[in-house]
């Protein structure tokens, strides 16, 4: 069974203030980005079966606004996603139920781009782009040909980068 993995960097956030990094809210630009991204992702991927979202406020706010135009059947806030590196997120994905056809991860840089690069099976222009990092509210859409438990280095195909429509 093939699957779709969407790795989404949270939308633009306010600078870190007195409350600390984890409580940074989305900026006005970020709210617009996330709202547009919901419709854009809906057109690209259709509904999402499972969403794993970082516990950081900017990530949970991003998902909330994305869900305004994108059906997400099940979502889980994962505390460990906030500080996780690519290998830790990969381990989380390997535990996803096989019934989940499309999985969305809402997280942070450099983990989002690092994981997309790690999983991508080809060193092409897209690989080059993600190796440099992805901007806020950008999604890496990967085709996963096998089981979630078998997902590993070079075992998926980065089909496209998706940015919110203007």
C-alpha atoms as a PDB file:
ATOM      1  CA  UNK A   1       0.000   0.000   0.000  1.00  0.00           C
ATOM      2  CA  UNK A   2       1.387   3.401  -0.898  1.00  0.00           C
ATOM      3  CA  UNK A   3       1.127   6.379   1.417  1.00  0.00           C
ATOM      4  CA  UNK A   4       1.553  10.130   1.311  1.00  0.00           C
ATOM      5  CA  UNK A   5       3.670  12.009   3.843  1.00  0.00           C
ATOM      6  CA  UNK A   6       3.357  15.767   4.192  1.00  0.00           C
ATOM      7  CA  UNK A   7       6.055  17.523   6.196  1.00  0.00           C
ATOM      8  CA  UNK A   8       4.873  21.067   6.948  1.00  0.00           C
ATOM      9  CA  UNK A   9       6.959  23.755   8.570  1.00  0.00           C
ATOM     10  CA  UNK A  10       4.802  25.928  10.808  1.00  0.00           C
ATOM     11  CA  UNK A  11       3.723  29.328   9.490  1.00  0.00           C
ATOM     12  CA  UNK A  12       5.520  32.607  10.298  1.00  0.00           C
ATOM     13  CA  UNK A  13       5.686  33.262  14.034  1.00  0.00           C
ATOM     14  CA  UNK A  14       6.260  36.297  16.191  1.00  0.00           C
ATOM     15  CA  UNK A  15       9.787  36.784  17.551  1.00  0.00           C
ATOM     16  CA  UNK A  16      10.585  35.119  20.850  1.00  0.00           C
ATOM     17  CA  UNK A  17       9.354  37.253  23.734  1.00  0.00           C
ATOM     18  CA  UNK A  18       9.208  36.950  27.482  1.00  0.00           C
ATOM     19  CA  UNK A  19       7.130  33.752  27.302  1.00  0.00           C
ATOM     20  CA  UNK A  20       9.882  31.817  25.498  1.00  0.00           C
ATOM     21  CA  UNK A  21      10.199  29.992  22.205  1.00  0.00           C
ATOM     22  CA  UNK A  22       7.546  27.314  22.791  1.00  0.00           C
ATOM     23  CA  UNK A  23       4.832  29.938  23.310  1.00  0.00           C
ATOM     24  CA  UNK A  24       5.568  32.052  20.235  1.00  0.00           C
ATOM     25  CA  UNK A  25       2.235  32.697  18.464  1.00  0.00           C
ATOM     26  CA  UNK A  26       1.764  33.076  14.738  1.00  0.00           C
ATOM     27  CA  UNK A  27       2.330  36.525  13.290  1.00  0.00           C
ATOM     28  CA  UNK A  28      -0.390  38.119  11.164  1.00  0.00           C
ATOM     29  CA  UNK A  29       1.504  36.953   8.065  1.00  0.00           C
ATOM     30  CA  UNK A  30       1.641  33.438   9.506  1.00  0.00           C
ATOM     31  CA  UNK A  31      -2.122  33.340  10.103  1.00  0.00           C
ATOM     32  CA  UNK A  32      -2.662  34.261   6.454  1.00  0.00           C
ATOM     33  CA  UNK A  33      -0.095  31.671   5.305  1.00  0.00           C
ATOM     34  CA  UNK A  34      -1.675  28.873   7.347  1.00  0.00           C
ATOM     35  CA  UNK A  35      -5.206  29.709   6.235  1.00  0.00           C
ATOM     36  CA  UNK A  36      -4.159  29.628   2.567  1.00  0.00           C
ATOM     37  CA  UNK A  37      -2.088  26.489   3.076  1.00  0.00           C
ATOM     38  CA  UNK A  38      -5.150  24.540   4.183  1.00  0.00           C
ATOM     39  CA  UNK A  39      -6.877  25.058   0.851  1.00  0.00           C
ATOM     40  CA  UNK A  40      -3.678  24.511  -1.102  1.00  0.00           C
ATOM     41  CA  UNK A  41      -2.873  21.227   0.656  1.00  0.00           C
ATOM     42  CA  UNK A  42      -6.463  20.085   0.248  1.00  0.00           C
ATOM     43  CA  UNK A  43      -6.095  20.482  -3.507  1.00  0.00           C
ATOM     44  CA  UNK A  44      -2.764  18.614  -3.521  1.00  0.00           C
ATOM     45  CA  UNK A  45      -3.311  15.755  -1.078  1.00  0.00           C
ATOM     46  CA  UNK A  46      -6.987  15.574  -0.234  1.00  0.00           C
ATOM     47  CA  UNK A  47      -7.914  14.658   3.325  1.00  0.00           C
ATOM     48  CA  UNK A  48      -5.320  13.804   5.943  1.00  0.00           C
ATOM     49  CA  UNK A  49      -5.808  10.659   8.022  1.00  0.00           C
ATOM     50  CA  UNK A  50      -3.328  11.433  10.810  1.00  0.00           C
ATOM     51  CA  UNK A  51      -1.653  14.690  11.832  1.00  0.00           C
ATOM     52  CA  UNK A  52       1.283  14.735  14.229  1.00  0.00           C
ATOM     53  CA  UNK A  53       1.879  18.250  15.477  1.00  0.00           C
ATOM     54  CA  UNK A  54       4.581  19.805  17.616  1.00  0.00           C
ATOM     55  CA  UNK A  55       3.436  21.113  20.983  1.00  0.00           C
ATOM     56  CA  UNK A  56       4.836  24.587  20.211  1.00  0.00           C
ATOM     57  CA  UNK A  57       2.052  27.177  20.019  1.00  0.00           C
ATOM     58  CA  UNK A  58       3.016  28.287  16.499  1.00  0.00           C
ATOM     59  CA  UNK A  59       2.679  24.688  15.258  1.00  0.00           C
ATOM     60  CA  UNK A  60      -0.686  24.010  16.915  1.00  0.00           C
ATOM     61  CA  UNK A  61      -2.003  27.356  15.634  1.00  0.00           C
ATOM     62  CA  UNK A  62      -0.780  26.481  12.138  1.00  0.00           C
ATOM     63  CA  UNK A  63      -2.678  23.192  12.169  1.00  0.00           C
ATOM     64  CA  UNK A  64      -5.820  24.835  13.547  1.00  0.00           C
ATOM     65  CA  UNK A  65      -5.875  27.314  10.649  1.00  0.00           C
ATOM     66  CA  UNK A  66      -4.906  24.682   8.052  1.00  0.00           C
ATOM     67  CA  UNK A  67      -7.858  22.592   9.252  1.00  0.00           C
ATOM     68  CA  UNK A  68     -10.201  25.399   8.227  1.00  0.00           C
ATOM     69  CA  UNK A  69      -9.966  24.097   4.645  1.00  0.00           C
ATOM     70  CA  UNK A  70      -8.336  20.672   5.022  1.00  0.00           C
ATOM     71  CA  UNK A  71     -10.021  17.632   6.514  1.00  0.00           C
ATOM     72  CA  UNK A  72      -7.842  16.068   9.204  1.00  0.00           C
ATOM     73  CA  UNK A  73      -9.420  12.892  10.587  1.00  0.00           C
ATOM     74  CA  UNK A  74      -7.162  12.456  13.624  1.00  0.00           C
ATOM     75  CA  UNK A  75      -4.591  14.727  15.198  1.00  0.00           C
ATOM     76  CA  UNK A  76      -2.133  14.246  18.023  1.00  0.00           C
ATOM     77  CA  UNK A  77      -0.024  16.908  19.688  1.00  0.00           C
ATOM     78  CA  UNK A  78       3.359  15.260  20.238  1.00  0.00           C
ATOM     79  CA  UNK A  79       5.492  16.930  22.896  1.00  0.00           C
ATOM     80  CA  UNK A  80       8.651  15.229  21.569  1.00  0.00           C
ATOM     81  CA  UNK A  81       8.187  16.759  18.095  1.00  0.00           C
ATOM     82  CA  UNK A  82       9.184  20.167  19.450  1.00  0.00           C
ATOM     83  CA  UNK A  83      12.839  19.185  19.915  1.00  0.00           C
ATOM     84  CA  UNK A  84      12.974  16.106  17.674  1.00  0.00           C
ATOM     85  CA  UNK A  85      15.527  15.685  14.927  1.00  0.00           C
ATOM     86  CA  UNK A  86      14.872  13.904  11.624  1.00  0.00           C
ATOM     87  CA  UNK A  87      15.665  10.421  12.982  1.00  0.00           C
ATOM     88  CA  UNK A  88      13.323  10.873  15.959  1.00  0.00           C
ATOM     89  CA  UNK A  89      10.455  11.958  13.695  1.00  0.00           C
ATOM     90  CA  UNK A  90      11.220   9.035  11.391  1.00  0.00           C
ATOM     91  CA  UNK A  91      10.857   6.666  14.372  1.00  0.00           C
ATOM     92  CA  UNK A  92       7.451   8.229  15.132  1.00  0.00           C
ATOM     93  CA  UNK A  93       6.351   7.738  11.536  1.00  0.00           C
ATOM     94  CA  UNK A  94       7.413   4.086  11.594  1.00  0.00           C
ATOM     95  CA  UNK A  95       4.810   3.585  14.351  1.00  0.00           C
ATOM     96  CA  UNK A  96       1.885   5.036  12.359  1.00  0.00           C
ATOM     97  CA  UNK A  97      -1.008   2.672  11.674  1.00  0.00           C
ATOM     98  CA  UNK A  98      -0.910   1.251   8.147  1.00  0.00           C
ATOM     99  CA  UNK A  99      -4.529   2.320   7.626  1.00  0.00           C
ATOM    100  CA  UNK A 100      -3.359   5.956   7.547  1.00  0.00           C
ATOM    101  CA  UNK A 101      -2.997   6.755   3.860  1.00  0.00           C
ATOM    102  CA  UNK A 102      -1.931  10.375   4.317  1.00  0.00           C
ATOM    103  CA  UNK A 103       0.059  11.637   7.293  1.00  0.00           C
ATOM    104  CA  UNK A 104       0.813  15.281   8.043  1.00  0.00           C
ATOM    105  CA  UNK A 105       3.635  16.348  10.356  1.00  0.00           C
ATOM    106  CA  UNK A 106       3.617  19.985  11.494  1.00  0.00           C
ATOM    107  CA  UNK A 107       7.019  20.853  12.865  1.00  0.00           C
ATOM    108  CA  UNK A 108      10.116  22.993  12.750  1.00  0.00           C
ATOM    109  CA  UNK A 109      13.310  23.680  10.865  1.00  0.00           C
ATOM    110  CA  UNK A 110      15.813  22.216  10.385  1.00  0.00           C
ATOM    111  CA  UNK A 111      13.973  18.957  11.117  1.00  0.00           C
ATOM    112  CA  UNK A 112      11.354  19.276   8.350  1.00  0.00           C
ATOM    113  CA  UNK A 113      13.874  19.818   5.564  1.00  0.00           C
ATOM    114  CA  UNK A 114      16.343  17.378   7.101  1.00  0.00           C
ATOM    115  CA  UNK A 115      13.765  14.590   7.183  1.00  0.00           C
ATOM    116  CA  UNK A 116      12.578  15.319   3.637  1.00  0.00           C
ATOM    117  CA  UNK A 117      16.188  15.169   2.425  1.00  0.00           C
ATOM    118  CA  UNK A 118      16.868  11.969   4.382  1.00  0.00           C
ATOM    119  CA  UNK A 119      13.809  10.198   2.955  1.00  0.00           C
ATOM    120  CA  UNK A 120      14.064  11.409  -0.656  1.00  0.00           C
ATOM    121  CA  UNK A 121      15.289   8.719  -3.051  1.00  0.00           C
ATOM    122  CA  UNK A 122      16.901  11.007  -5.625  1.00  0.00           C
ATOM    123  CA  UNK A 123      19.465  13.795  -5.497  1.00  0.00           C
ATOM    124  CA  UNK A 124      17.690  16.208  -7.838  1.00  0.00           C
ATOM    125  CA  UNK A 125      16.676  19.884  -7.836  1.00  0.00           C
ATOM    126  CA  UNK A 126      14.092  19.321  -5.095  1.00  0.00           C
ATOM    127  CA  UNK A 127      16.711  17.618  -2.950  1.00  0.00           C
ATOM    128  CA  UNK A 128      18.978  20.609  -3.462  1.00  0.00           C
ATOM    129  CA  UNK A 129      16.195  22.994  -2.449  1.00  0.00           C
ATOM    130  CA  UNK A 130      15.289  21.154   0.746  1.00  0.00           C
ATOM    131  CA  UNK A 131      18.939  20.676   1.683  1.00  0.00           C
ATOM    132  CA  UNK A 132      19.054  24.457   2.118  1.00  0.00           C
ATOM    133  CA  UNK A 133      15.966  24.458   4.369  1.00  0.00           C
ATOM    134  CA  UNK A 134      12.336  25.287   3.755  1.00  0.00           C
ATOM    135  CA  UNK A 135      10.585  28.597   4.420  1.00  0.00           C
ATOM    136  CA  UNK A 136       7.712  28.953   6.846  1.00  0.00           C
ATOM    137  CA  UNK A 137       4.395  27.446   5.725  1.00  0.00           C
ATOM    138  CA  UNK A 138       6.093  25.226   3.159  1.00  0.00           C
ATOM    139  CA  UNK A 139       5.184  21.568   2.811  1.00  0.00           C
ATOM    140  CA  UNK A 140       7.306  18.743   1.477  1.00  0.00           C
ATOM    141  CA  UNK A 141       4.998  16.140  -0.088  1.00  0.00           C
ATOM    142  CA  UNK A 142       6.536  12.681  -0.260  1.00  0.00           C
ATOM    143  CA  UNK A 143       5.240   9.515  -1.862  1.00  0.00           C
ATOM    144  CA  UNK A 144       5.897   6.506   0.365  1.00  0.00           C
ATOM    145  CA  UNK A 145       5.665   3.302  -1.711  1.00  0.00           C
ATOM    146  CA  UNK A 146       5.758   0.841   1.189  1.00  0.00           C
ATOM    147  CA  UNK A 147       4.658   0.399   4.774  1.00  0.00           C
ATOM    148  CA  UNK A 148       5.168   3.104   7.397  1.00  0.00           C
ATOM    149  CA  UNK A 149       7.225   0.654   9.473  1.00  0.00           C
ATOM    150  CA  UNK A 150       9.646   0.263   6.524  1.00  0.00           C
ATOM    151  CA  UNK A 151      10.136   3.989   5.983  1.00  0.00           C
ATOM    152  CA  UNK A 152      13.837   4.801   6.085  1.00  0.00           C
ATOM    153  CA  UNK A 153      16.637   6.696   4.315  1.00  0.00           C
ATOM    154  CA  UNK A 154      15.961   7.094   0.569  1.00  0.00           C
ATOM    155  CA  UNK A 155      12.724   5.069   0.863  1.00  0.00           C
ATOM    156  CA  UNK A 156      10.302   7.787  -0.314  1.00  0.00           C
ATOM    157  CA  UNK A 157      10.063  10.193  -3.206  1.00  0.00           C
ATOM    158  CA  UNK A 158       9.829  13.944  -2.670  1.00  0.00           C
ATOM    159  CA  UNK A 159       7.169  14.712  -5.239  1.00  0.00           C
ATOM    160  CA  UNK A 160       6.841  18.446  -4.670  1.00  0.00           C
ATOM    161  CA  UNK A 161       7.219  21.457  -2.439  1.00  0.00           C
ATOM    162  CA  UNK A 162       3.968  23.259  -1.698  1.00  0.00           C
ATOM    163  CA  UNK A 163       3.698  26.868  -0.644  1.00  0.00           C
ATOM    164  CA  UNK A 164       0.479  28.683   0.245  1.00  0.00           C
ATOM    165  CA  UNK A 165      -1.309  30.082  -2.793  1.00  0.00           C
ATOM    166  CA  UNK A 166      -1.271  33.843  -3.090  1.00  0.00           C
END
